Amino acid sequence: MFKNKTTVLFVGSGSTENKPISVPTKILLHWQKYFFISMGIIISLLACLGFFIYEVTSKHYNSVYQAKIQKLNQINNSLDIENTKKNLEAIDRTIDLINETLRKKGMKEMDIDPLGGPVEEDLENISEISSSYEEAVQKLSKELKLLPIGIPHNGRITSTFGSRGNPFTGSGIEKHAGIDFSGRTGEEVKVTAQGKVSFSGTMGGYGNVVVIKHSNHFETRYAHLSKILVRDGQNVNVGNVIGEVGSTGRSTGPHLHYEILYKDSKIDPQPFLDIFNNQ
């Protein structure tokens, strides 16, 4: 291929020694072409070597990073499990406290089964458990709506349940079967639990009164009203306005007389005004 050769004589500066080298003539004539071919081969080899090194190091660091990410995920999952356990346990404790309060008051407990317990390490059951708790809370909310818990009027309490002096004569003792809230004629009176109006009208010393039957054997009465805003048989929800403060019946001035009955017996409404602050 390279039969024809040309001798190139290399003469060193200040030296008498000559170094002849035979180089194929074709290469000398086309040295630029062969130079670029050689450079291309070298660059290609270097590129292949660099790619190989990149692949090897990339796989190594990728495996290292994946291991770190997996470890962080495990830590995060562990924290999620712990936080979830704490949240579920807190809800269980809240339900237990509510039931304890209801037991102290001789009332029926909320029929909610404890949903706490071990949480699977892989968090597969978290969605199911959360859904169960959501149903439980919704059930609790529904049950609370049926109990006469809350304040029917924002006025100041002027007379409590039990024995008191006669407000008309100032002498003698009489039994007061409910709680009196001070107010001005026309102010709103709200129902404290979901139920149905069993009576609305005038009833002796109660004057204008609304009587509401609730589930679980409860009944509430709102007396001395100046105006009645509901009718017999009407369904009412928590917070509905059922009448206005007045001074009808046996009354010394505008106020709301509020009673709670349980199994037809009048009980002290005070613990029901704010059940969570009356342990």
C-alpha atoms as a PDB file:
ATOM      1  CA  MET A   1       0.000   0.000   0.000  1.00  0.00           C
ATOM      2  CA  PHE A   2       2.876   2.309   0.845  1.00  0.00           C
ATOM      3  CA  LYS A   3       5.588   1.050  -1.549  1.00  0.00           C
ATOM      4  CA  ASN A   4       6.915   4.458  -2.416  1.00  0.00           C
ATOM      5  CA  LYS A   5       8.732   6.026   0.477  1.00  0.00           C
ATOM      6  CA  THR A   6      10.509   9.277   1.037  1.00  0.00           C
ATOM      7  CA  THR A   7      13.466   9.640   3.332  1.00  0.00           C
ATOM      8  CA  VAL A   8      13.219  12.524   5.729  1.00  0.00           C
ATOM      9  CA  LEU A   9      16.474  13.679   7.263  1.00  0.00           C
ATOM     10  CA  PHE A  10      16.271  15.173  10.770  1.00  0.00           C
ATOM     11  CA  VAL A  11      19.263  17.360  11.590  1.00  0.00           C
ATOM     12  CA  GLY A  12      19.683  18.411  15.157  1.00  0.00           C
ATOM     13  CA  SER A  13      20.712  22.015  15.863  1.00  0.00           C
ATOM     14  CA  GLY A  14      24.405  22.162  16.743  1.00  0.00           C
ATOM     15  CA  SER A  15      24.775  18.439  16.124  1.00  0.00           C
ATOM     16  CA  THR A  16      26.560  16.568  13.386  1.00  0.00           C
ATOM     17  CA  GLU A  17      24.394  13.501  13.837  1.00  0.00           C
ATOM     18  CA  ASN A  18      21.687  13.059  11.207  1.00  0.00           C
ATOM     19  CA  LYS A  19      18.630  10.850  11.692  1.00  0.00           C
ATOM     20  CA  PRO A  20      17.019   9.719   8.451  1.00  0.00           C
ATOM     21  CA  ILE A  21      13.462   8.350   8.629  1.00  0.00           C
ATOM     22  CA  SER A  22      11.624   6.712   5.781  1.00  0.00           C
ATOM     23  CA  VAL A  23       8.027   7.849   5.527  1.00  0.00           C
ATOM     24  CA  PRO A  24       5.550   6.658   2.919  1.00  0.00           C
ATOM     25  CA  THR A  25       5.319   9.286   0.236  1.00  0.00           C
ATOM     26  CA  LYS A  26       1.518   9.070   0.197  1.00  0.00           C
ATOM     27  CA  ILE A  27       1.346  10.046   3.848  1.00  0.00           C
ATOM     28  CA  LEU A  28       3.629  13.026   3.276  1.00  0.00           C
ATOM     29  CA  LEU A  29       1.523  14.200   0.381  1.00  0.00           C
ATOM     30  CA  HIS A  30      -1.759  13.729   2.233  1.00  0.00           C
ATOM     31  CA  TRP A  31      -0.643  14.239   5.826  1.00  0.00           C
ATOM     32  CA  GLN A  32      -3.590  16.512   6.695  1.00  0.00           C
ATOM     33  CA  LYS A  33      -6.064  13.829   5.698  1.00  0.00           C
ATOM     34  CA  TYR A  34      -4.346  11.149   7.793  1.00  0.00           C
ATOM     35  CA  PHE A  35      -3.898  13.581  10.674  1.00  0.00           C
ATOM     36  CA  PHE A  36      -7.603  14.286  10.884  1.00  0.00           C
ATOM     37  CA  ILE A  37      -8.465  10.596  10.514  1.00  0.00           C
ATOM     38  CA  SER A  38      -6.104   9.777  13.361  1.00  0.00           C
ATOM     39  CA  MET A  39      -7.522  12.553  15.510  1.00  0.00           C
ATOM     40  CA  GLY A  40     -11.032  11.347  14.765  1.00  0.00           C
ATOM     41  CA  ILE A  41     -10.136   7.825  15.846  1.00  0.00           C
ATOM     42  CA  ILE A  42      -8.484   9.102  19.014  1.00  0.00           C
ATOM     43  CA  ILE A  43     -11.426  11.366  19.842  1.00  0.00           C
ATOM     44  CA  SER A  44     -13.875   8.498  19.222  1.00  0.00           C
ATOM     45  CA  LEU A  45     -11.886   6.225  21.510  1.00  0.00           C
ATOM     46  CA  LEU A  46     -11.756   8.904  24.176  1.00  0.00           C
ATOM     47  CA  ALA A  47     -15.515   9.495  23.808  1.00  0.00           C
ATOM     48  CA  CYS A  48     -16.215   5.778  24.175  1.00  0.00           C
ATOM     49  CA  LEU A  49     -13.968   5.628  27.197  1.00  0.00           C
ATOM     50  CA  GLY A  50     -15.661   8.684  28.715  1.00  0.00           C
ATOM     51  CA  PHE A  51     -19.137   7.242  28.080  1.00  0.00           C
ATOM     52  CA  PHE A  52     -18.116   3.957  29.670  1.00  0.00           C
ATOM     53  CA  ILE A  53     -16.768   5.781  32.728  1.00  0.00           C
ATOM     54  CA  TYR A  54     -19.935   7.899  32.895  1.00  0.00           C
ATOM     55  CA  GLU A  55     -22.181   4.835  32.733  1.00  0.00           C
ATOM     56  CA  VAL A  56     -20.262   3.019  35.430  1.00  0.00           C
ATOM     57  CA  THR A  57     -20.118   6.016  37.799  1.00  0.00           C
ATOM     58  CA  SER A  58     -23.718   6.990  36.998  1.00  0.00           C
ATOM     59  CA  LYS A  59     -25.003   3.541  37.920  1.00  0.00           C
ATOM     60  CA  HIS A  60     -22.947   3.586  41.083  1.00  0.00           C
ATOM     61  CA  TYR A  61     -24.135   6.979  42.267  1.00  0.00           C
ATOM     62  CA  ASN A  62     -27.688   6.243  41.153  1.00  0.00           C
ATOM     63  CA  SER A  63     -27.718   3.112  43.305  1.00  0.00           C
ATOM     64  CA  VAL A  64     -26.280   5.129  46.191  1.00  0.00           C
ATOM     65  CA  TYR A  65     -28.902   7.857  45.794  1.00  0.00           C
ATOM     66  CA  GLN A  66     -31.702   5.314  45.435  1.00  0.00           C
ATOM     67  CA  ALA A  67     -30.589   3.662  48.655  1.00  0.00           C
ATOM     68  CA  LYS A  68     -30.588   7.046  50.409  1.00  0.00           C
ATOM     69  CA  ILE A  69     -34.020   7.925  49.008  1.00  0.00           C
ATOM     70  CA  GLN A  70     -35.379   4.547  50.105  1.00  0.00           C
ATOM     71  CA  LYS A  71     -33.996   5.098  53.578  1.00  0.00           C
ATOM     72  CA  LEU A  72     -35.521   8.581  53.747  1.00  0.00           C
ATOM     73  CA  ASN A  73     -38.862   7.173  52.571  1.00  0.00           C
ATOM     74  CA  GLN A  74     -38.701   4.542  55.287  1.00  0.00           C
ATOM     75  CA  ILE A  75     -38.020   7.238  57.877  1.00  0.00           C
ATOM     76  CA  ASN A  76     -40.852   9.359  56.484  1.00  0.00           C
ATOM     77  CA  ASN A  77     -43.239   6.394  56.487  1.00  0.00           C
ATOM     78  CA  SER A  78     -42.229   5.628  60.048  1.00  0.00           C
ATOM     79  CA  LEU A  79     -42.999   9.221  61.043  1.00  0.00           C
ATOM     80  CA  ASP A  80     -46.333   9.047  59.185  1.00  0.00           C
ATOM     81  CA  ILE A  81     -47.219   5.882  61.054  1.00  0.00           C
ATOM     82  CA  GLU A  82     -46.343   7.417  64.415  1.00  0.00           C
ATOM     83  CA  ASN A  83     -48.255  10.625  63.659  1.00  0.00           C
ATOM     84  CA  THR A  84     -51.244   8.635  62.428  1.00  0.00           C
ATOM     85  CA  LYS A  85     -51.208   6.455  65.527  1.00  0.00           C
ATOM     86  CA  LYS A  86     -51.105   9.557  67.722  1.00  0.00           C
ATOM     87  CA  ASN A  87     -53.982  11.159  65.810  1.00  0.00           C
ATOM     88  CA  LEU A  88     -56.130   8.034  65.999  1.00  0.00           C
ATOM     89  CA  GLU A  89     -55.378   7.600  69.686  1.00  0.00           C
ATOM     90  CA  ALA A  90     -56.265  11.264  70.290  1.00  0.00           C
ATOM     91  CA  ILE A  91     -59.641  10.763  68.596  1.00  0.00           C
ATOM     92  CA  ASP A  92     -60.254   7.639  70.675  1.00  0.00           C
ATOM     93  CA  ARG A  93     -59.450   9.574  73.840  1.00  0.00           C
ATOM     94  CA  THR A  94     -61.831  12.347  72.810  1.00  0.00           C
ATOM     95  CA  ILE A  95     -64.645   9.880  72.212  1.00  0.00           C
ATOM     96  CA  ASP A  96     -63.903   8.232  75.569  1.00  0.00           C
ATOM     97  CA  LEU A  97     -64.043  11.609  77.342  1.00  0.00           C
ATOM     98  CA  ILE A  98     -67.378  12.427  75.722  1.00  0.00           C
ATOM     99  CA  ASN A  99     -68.813   9.069  76.750  1.00  0.00           C
ATOM    100  CA  GLU A 100     -67.429   9.489  80.276  1.00  0.00           C
ATOM    101  CA  THR A 101     -69.165  12.856  80.528  1.00  0.00           C
ATOM    102  CA  LEU A 102     -72.408  11.362  79.278  1.00  0.00           C
ATOM    103  CA  ARG A 103     -72.145   8.493  81.795  1.00  0.00           C
ATOM    104  CA  LYS A 104     -71.680  10.962  84.650  1.00  0.00           C
ATOM    105  CA  LYS A 105     -74.863  12.688  83.588  1.00  0.00           C
ATOM    106  CA  GLY A 106     -76.795   9.418  83.427  1.00  0.00           C
ATOM    107  CA  MET A 107     -77.163   9.768  79.681  1.00  0.00           C
ATOM    108  CA  LYS A 108     -76.842   7.187  76.937  1.00  0.00           C
ATOM    109  CA  GLU A 109     -73.316   6.903  75.573  1.00  0.00           C
ATOM    110  CA  MET A 110     -72.401   7.496  71.948  1.00  0.00           C
ATOM    111  CA  ASP A 111     -72.613   4.156  70.157  1.00  0.00           C
ATOM    112  CA  ILE A 112     -69.184   4.350  68.507  1.00  0.00           C
ATOM    113  CA  ASP A 113     -66.797   1.416  68.587  1.00  0.00           C
ATOM    114  CA  PRO A 114     -63.116   2.194  69.303  1.00  0.00           C
ATOM    115  CA  LEU A 115     -61.256   2.260  66.006  1.00  0.00           C
ATOM    116  CA  GLY A 116     -57.712   2.509  67.313  1.00  0.00           C
ATOM    117  CA  GLY A 117     -55.115  -0.232  67.255  1.00  0.00           C
ATOM    118  CA  PRO A 118     -51.941  -1.139  65.396  1.00  0.00           C
ATOM    119  CA  VAL A 119     -51.284   0.603  62.111  1.00  0.00           C
ATOM    120  CA  GLU A 120     -49.709  -1.503  59.354  1.00  0.00           C
ATOM    121  CA  GLU A 121     -46.102  -0.587  58.666  1.00  0.00           C
ATOM    122  CA  ASP A 122     -46.751  -0.180  54.947  1.00  0.00           C
ATOM    123  CA  LEU A 123     -49.606   2.266  55.562  1.00  0.00           C
ATOM    124  CA  GLU A 124     -51.908   0.205  53.334  1.00  0.00           C
ATOM    125  CA  ASN A 125     -54.765   0.491  55.835  1.00  0.00           C
ATOM    126  CA  ILE A 126     -54.426   4.209  56.609  1.00  0.00           C
ATOM    127  CA  SER A 127     -57.024   5.196  54.018  1.00  0.00           C
ATOM    128  CA  GLU A 128     -59.474   2.627  55.355  1.00  0.00           C
ATOM    129  CA  ILE A 129     -58.855   3.633  58.977  1.00  0.00           C
ATOM    130  CA  SER A 130     -59.201   7.354  58.134  1.00  0.00           C
ATOM    131  CA  SER A 131     -62.483   6.618  56.373  1.00  0.00           C
ATOM    132  CA  SER A 132     -63.727   4.710  59.438  1.00  0.00           C
ATOM    133  CA  TYR A 133     -62.845   7.617  61.709  1.00  0.00           C
ATOM    134  CA  GLU A 134     -64.543  10.071  59.389  1.00  0.00           C
ATOM    135  CA  GLU A 135     -67.700   7.966  59.587  1.00  0.00           C
ATOM    136  CA  ALA A 136     -67.347   7.823  63.368  1.00  0.00           C
ATOM    137  CA  VAL A 137     -66.988  11.602  63.665  1.00  0.00           C
ATOM    138  CA  GLN A 138     -69.973  12.129  61.381  1.00  0.00           C
ATOM    139  CA  LYS A 139     -71.975   9.723  63.534  1.00  0.00           C
ATOM    140  CA  LEU A 140     -70.846  11.562  66.666  1.00  0.00           C
ATOM    141  CA  SER A 141     -71.880  14.873  65.129  1.00  0.00           C
ATOM    142  CA  LYS A 142     -75.290  13.401  64.280  1.00  0.00           C
ATOM    143  CA  GLU A 143     -75.723  12.070  67.813  1.00  0.00           C
ATOM    144  CA  LEU A 144     -74.769  15.416  69.373  1.00  0.00           C
ATOM    145  CA  LYS A 145     -77.420  17.174  67.309  1.00  0.00           C
ATOM    146  CA  LEU A 146     -80.023  15.014  69.025  1.00  0.00           C
ATOM    147  CA  LEU A 147     -78.949  16.040  72.548  1.00  0.00           C
ATOM    148  CA  PRO A 148     -80.095  19.374  74.082  1.00  0.00           C
ATOM    149  CA  ILE A 149     -76.583  20.737  74.472  1.00  0.00           C
ATOM    150  CA  GLY A 150     -76.041  24.482  74.152  1.00  0.00           C
ATOM    151  CA  ILE A 151     -77.530  27.827  75.021  1.00  0.00           C
ATOM    152  CA  PRO A 152     -81.027  28.774  73.816  1.00  0.00           C
ATOM    153  CA  HIS A 153     -80.499  32.486  74.465  1.00  0.00           C
ATOM    154  CA  ASN A 154     -77.407  34.630  75.061  1.00  0.00           C
ATOM    155  CA  GLY A 155     -78.815  36.521  78.016  1.00  0.00           C
ATOM    156  CA  ARG A 156     -77.367  36.414  81.512  1.00  0.00           C
ATOM    157  CA  ILE A 157     -78.585  33.594  83.771  1.00  0.00           C
ATOM    158  CA  THR A 158     -80.767  35.202  86.454  1.00  0.00           C
ATOM    159  CA  SER A 159     -82.266  32.123  88.096  1.00  0.00           C
ATOM    160  CA  THR A 160     -80.991  28.545  88.254  1.00  0.00           C
ATOM    161  CA  PHE A 161     -82.614  25.135  88.676  1.00  0.00           C
ATOM    162  CA  GLY A 162     -83.821  24.163  92.169  1.00  0.00           C
ATOM    163  CA  SER A 163     -85.176  26.015  95.154  1.00  0.00           C
ATOM    164  CA  ARG A 164     -85.439  29.810  95.125  1.00  0.00           C
ATOM    165  CA  GLY A 165     -87.260  32.637  96.785  1.00  0.00           C
ATOM    166  CA  ASN A 166     -90.673  33.622  95.465  1.00  0.00           C
ATOM    167  CA  PRO A 167     -89.954  36.342  92.849  1.00  0.00           C
ATOM    168  CA  PHE A 168     -93.388  37.909  93.309  1.00  0.00           C
ATOM    169  CA  THR A 169     -93.691  38.152  97.081  1.00  0.00           C
ATOM    170  CA  GLY A 170     -90.021  37.991  98.045  1.00  0.00           C
ATOM    171  CA  SER A 171     -90.872  35.541 100.810  1.00  0.00           C
ATOM    172  CA  GLY A 172     -91.152  31.787 100.924  1.00  0.00           C
ATOM    173  CA  ILE A 173     -89.399  29.138  98.891  1.00  0.00           C
ATOM    174  CA  GLU A 174     -90.526  27.648  95.588  1.00  0.00           C
ATOM    175  CA  LYS A 175     -89.136  25.067  93.224  1.00  0.00           C
ATOM    176  CA  HIS A 176     -87.756  26.403  89.963  1.00  0.00           C
ATOM    177  CA  ALA A 177     -87.805  23.707  87.287  1.00  0.00           C
ATOM    178  CA  GLY A 178     -85.460  25.341  84.788  1.00  0.00           C
ATOM    179  CA  ILE A 179     -83.067  28.214  84.081  1.00  0.00           C
ATOM    180  CA  ASP A 180     -84.004  31.835  83.401  1.00  0.00           C
ATOM    181  CA  PHE A 181     -82.074  33.928  80.880  1.00  0.00           C
ATOM    182  CA  SER A 182     -82.455  37.688  80.989  1.00  0.00           C
ATOM    183  CA  GLY A 183     -83.381  39.394  77.741  1.00  0.00           C
ATOM    184  CA  ARG A 184     -85.356  42.015  75.946  1.00  0.00           C
ATOM    185  CA  THR A 185     -88.682  41.466  74.287  1.00  0.00           C
ATOM    186  CA  GLY A 186     -88.240  40.307  70.697  1.00  0.00           C
ATOM    187  CA  GLU A 187     -84.777  38.756  71.075  1.00  0.00           C
ATOM    188  CA  GLU A 188     -84.274  35.373  69.391  1.00  0.00           C
ATOM    189  CA  VAL A 189     -84.762  32.049  71.150  1.00  0.00           C
ATOM    190  CA  LYS A 190     -83.032  29.062  69.513  1.00  0.00           C
ATOM    191  CA  VAL A 191     -83.623  25.350  69.810  1.00  0.00           C
ATOM    192  CA  THR A 192     -80.757  23.380  71.365  1.00  0.00           C
ATOM    193  CA  ALA A 193     -81.340  20.006  69.669  1.00  0.00           C
ATOM    194  CA  GLN A 194     -82.905  18.461  66.629  1.00  0.00           C
ATOM    195  CA  GLY A 195     -86.479  17.359  67.210  1.00  0.00           C
ATOM    196  CA  LYS A 196     -90.179  17.930  66.561  1.00  0.00           C
ATOM    197  CA  VAL A 197     -92.500  20.545  68.019  1.00  0.00           C
ATOM    198  CA  SER A 198     -94.996  18.676  70.224  1.00  0.00           C
ATOM    199  CA  PHE A 199     -96.757  21.812  71.485  1.00  0.00           C
ATOM    200  CA  SER A 200     -96.782  25.510  70.624  1.00  0.00           C
ATOM    201  CA  GLY A 201     -99.215  27.841  72.337  1.00  0.00           C
ATOM    202  CA  THR A 202    -100.310  29.037  75.775  1.00  0.00           C
ATOM    203  CA  MET A 203     -99.832  26.755  78.789  1.00  0.00           C
ATOM    204  CA  GLY A 204    -100.763  28.141  82.236  1.00  0.00           C
ATOM    205  CA  GLY A 205     -97.887  29.861  84.024  1.00  0.00           C
ATOM    206  CA  TYR A 206     -95.572  29.187  81.080  1.00  0.00           C
ATOM    207  CA  GLY A 207     -97.457  31.722  78.989  1.00  0.00           C
ATOM    208  CA  ASN A 208     -96.537  31.286  75.360  1.00  0.00           C
ATOM    209  CA  VAL A 209     -94.411  28.158  75.238  1.00  0.00           C
ATOM    210  CA  VAL A 210     -92.795  25.852  72.693  1.00  0.00           C
ATOM    211  CA  VAL A 211     -92.264  22.209  73.668  1.00  0.00           C
ATOM    212  CA  ILE A 212     -89.956  20.093  71.539  1.00  0.00           C
ATOM    213  CA  LYS A 213     -89.602  16.316  71.665  1.00  0.00           C
ATOM    214  CA  HIS A 214     -86.123  14.963  70.961  1.00  0.00           C
ATOM    215  CA  SER A 215     -84.856  11.415  70.554  1.00  0.00           C
ATOM    216  CA  ASN A 216     -83.375   9.471  73.480  1.00  0.00           C
ATOM    217  CA  HIS A 217     -86.316  10.501  75.746  1.00  0.00           C
ATOM    218  CA  PHE A 218     -85.375  14.215  75.900  1.00  0.00           C
ATOM    219  CA  GLU A 219     -87.755  17.165  75.813  1.00  0.00           C
ATOM    220  CA  THR A 220     -87.074  20.928  75.986  1.00  0.00           C
ATOM    221  CA  ARG A 221     -89.396  23.798  76.865  1.00  0.00           C
ATOM    222  CA  TYR A 222     -89.053  27.495  76.015  1.00  0.00           C
ATOM    223  CA  ALA A 223     -91.467  29.649  77.983  1.00  0.00           C
ATOM    224  CA  HIS A 224     -92.787  33.234  78.450  1.00  0.00           C
ATOM    225  CA  LEU A 225     -92.315  33.948  74.718  1.00  0.00           C
ATOM    226  CA  SER A 226     -93.675  37.121  73.202  1.00  0.00           C
ATOM    227  CA  LYS A 227     -93.970  35.420  69.836  1.00  0.00           C
ATOM    228  CA  ILE A 228     -94.013  31.785  68.674  1.00  0.00           C
ATOM    229  CA  LEU A 229     -92.406  31.139  65.292  1.00  0.00           C
ATOM    230  CA  VAL A 230     -93.071  27.394  64.878  1.00  0.00           C
ATOM    231  CA  ARG A 231     -96.137  25.171  64.685  1.00  0.00           C
ATOM    232  CA  ASP A 232     -97.108  21.807  66.133  1.00  0.00           C
ATOM    233  CA  GLY A 233     -95.541  18.851  64.292  1.00  0.00           C
ATOM    234  CA  GLN A 234     -92.806  20.970  62.723  1.00  0.00           C
ATOM    235  CA  ASN A 235     -89.311  19.471  62.554  1.00  0.00           C
ATOM    236  CA  VAL A 236     -86.584  21.743  63.867  1.00  0.00           C
ATOM    237  CA  ASN A 237     -82.791  21.606  63.720  1.00  0.00           C
ATOM    238  CA  VAL A 238     -80.093  22.843  66.082  1.00  0.00           C
ATOM    239  CA  GLY A 239     -79.932  26.630  66.073  1.00  0.00           C
ATOM    240  CA  ASN A 240     -83.330  27.237  64.475  1.00  0.00           C
ATOM    241  CA  VAL A 241     -85.136  30.304  65.869  1.00  0.00           C
ATOM    242  CA  ILE A 242     -88.402  29.055  67.402  1.00  0.00           C
ATOM    243  CA  GLY A 243     -89.637  32.185  69.149  1.00  0.00           C
ATOM    244  CA  GLU A 244     -88.874  35.536  70.740  1.00  0.00           C
ATOM    245  CA  VAL A 245     -88.194  36.530  74.333  1.00  0.00           C
ATOM    246  CA  GLY A 246     -91.206  37.908  76.184  1.00  0.00           C
ATOM    247  CA  SER A 247     -92.989  38.133  79.537  1.00  0.00           C
ATOM    248  CA  THR A 248     -96.161  36.124  79.055  1.00  0.00           C
ATOM    249  CA  GLY A 249     -97.598  33.887  81.776  1.00  0.00           C
ATOM    250  CA  ARG A 250     -96.225  33.936  85.329  1.00  0.00           C
ATOM    251  CA  SER A 251     -93.374  36.369  84.718  1.00  0.00           C
ATOM    252  CA  THR A 252     -91.910  39.432  86.398  1.00  0.00           C
ATOM    253  CA  GLY A 253     -90.355  40.789  83.203  1.00  0.00           C
ATOM    254  CA  PRO A 254     -88.922  39.826  79.787  1.00  0.00           C
ATOM    255  CA  HIS A 255     -86.821  36.672  80.019  1.00  0.00           C
ATOM    256  CA  LEU A 256     -86.593  33.117  78.721  1.00  0.00           C
ATOM    257  CA  HIS A 257     -87.496  30.211  80.977  1.00  0.00           C
ATOM    258  CA  TYR A 258     -85.736  27.060  79.690  1.00  0.00           C
ATOM    259  CA  GLU A 259     -86.360  23.488  80.836  1.00  0.00           C
ATOM    260  CA  ILE A 260     -84.969  20.072  79.968  1.00  0.00           C
ATOM    261  CA  LEU A 261     -86.909  16.882  80.682  1.00  0.00           C
ATOM    262  CA  TYR A 262     -85.472  13.364  80.545  1.00  0.00           C
ATOM    263  CA  LYS A 263     -87.971  10.503  80.584  1.00  0.00           C
ATOM    264  CA  ASP A 264     -90.630  13.037  81.627  1.00  0.00           C
ATOM    265  CA  SER A 265     -88.606  14.205  84.661  1.00  0.00           C
ATOM    266  CA  LYS A 266     -87.325  17.768  84.845  1.00  0.00           C
ATOM    267  CA  ILE A 267     -83.533  17.900  85.194  1.00  0.00           C
ATOM    268  CA  ASP A 268     -81.013  20.689  85.718  1.00  0.00           C
ATOM    269  CA  PRO A 269     -80.204  22.280  82.316  1.00  0.00           C
ATOM    270  CA  GLN A 270     -76.974  23.845  83.636  1.00  0.00           C
ATOM    271  CA  PRO A 271     -74.655  20.896  82.788  1.00  0.00           C
ATOM    272  CA  PHE A 272     -76.032  20.878  79.226  1.00  0.00           C
ATOM    273  CA  LEU A 273     -75.224  24.501  78.480  1.00  0.00           C
ATOM    274  CA  ASP A 274     -71.568  23.657  77.873  1.00  0.00           C
ATOM    275  CA  ILE A 275     -71.195  19.934  78.322  1.00  0.00           C
ATOM    276  CA  PHE A 276     -67.426  19.884  77.706  1.00  0.00           C
ATOM    277  CA  ASN A 277     -66.746  22.335  80.534  1.00  0.00           C
ATOM    278  CA  ASN A 278     -68.873  20.433  83.014  1.00  0.00           C
ATOM    279  CA  GLN A 279     -66.892  17.259  83.672  1.00  0.00           C
END
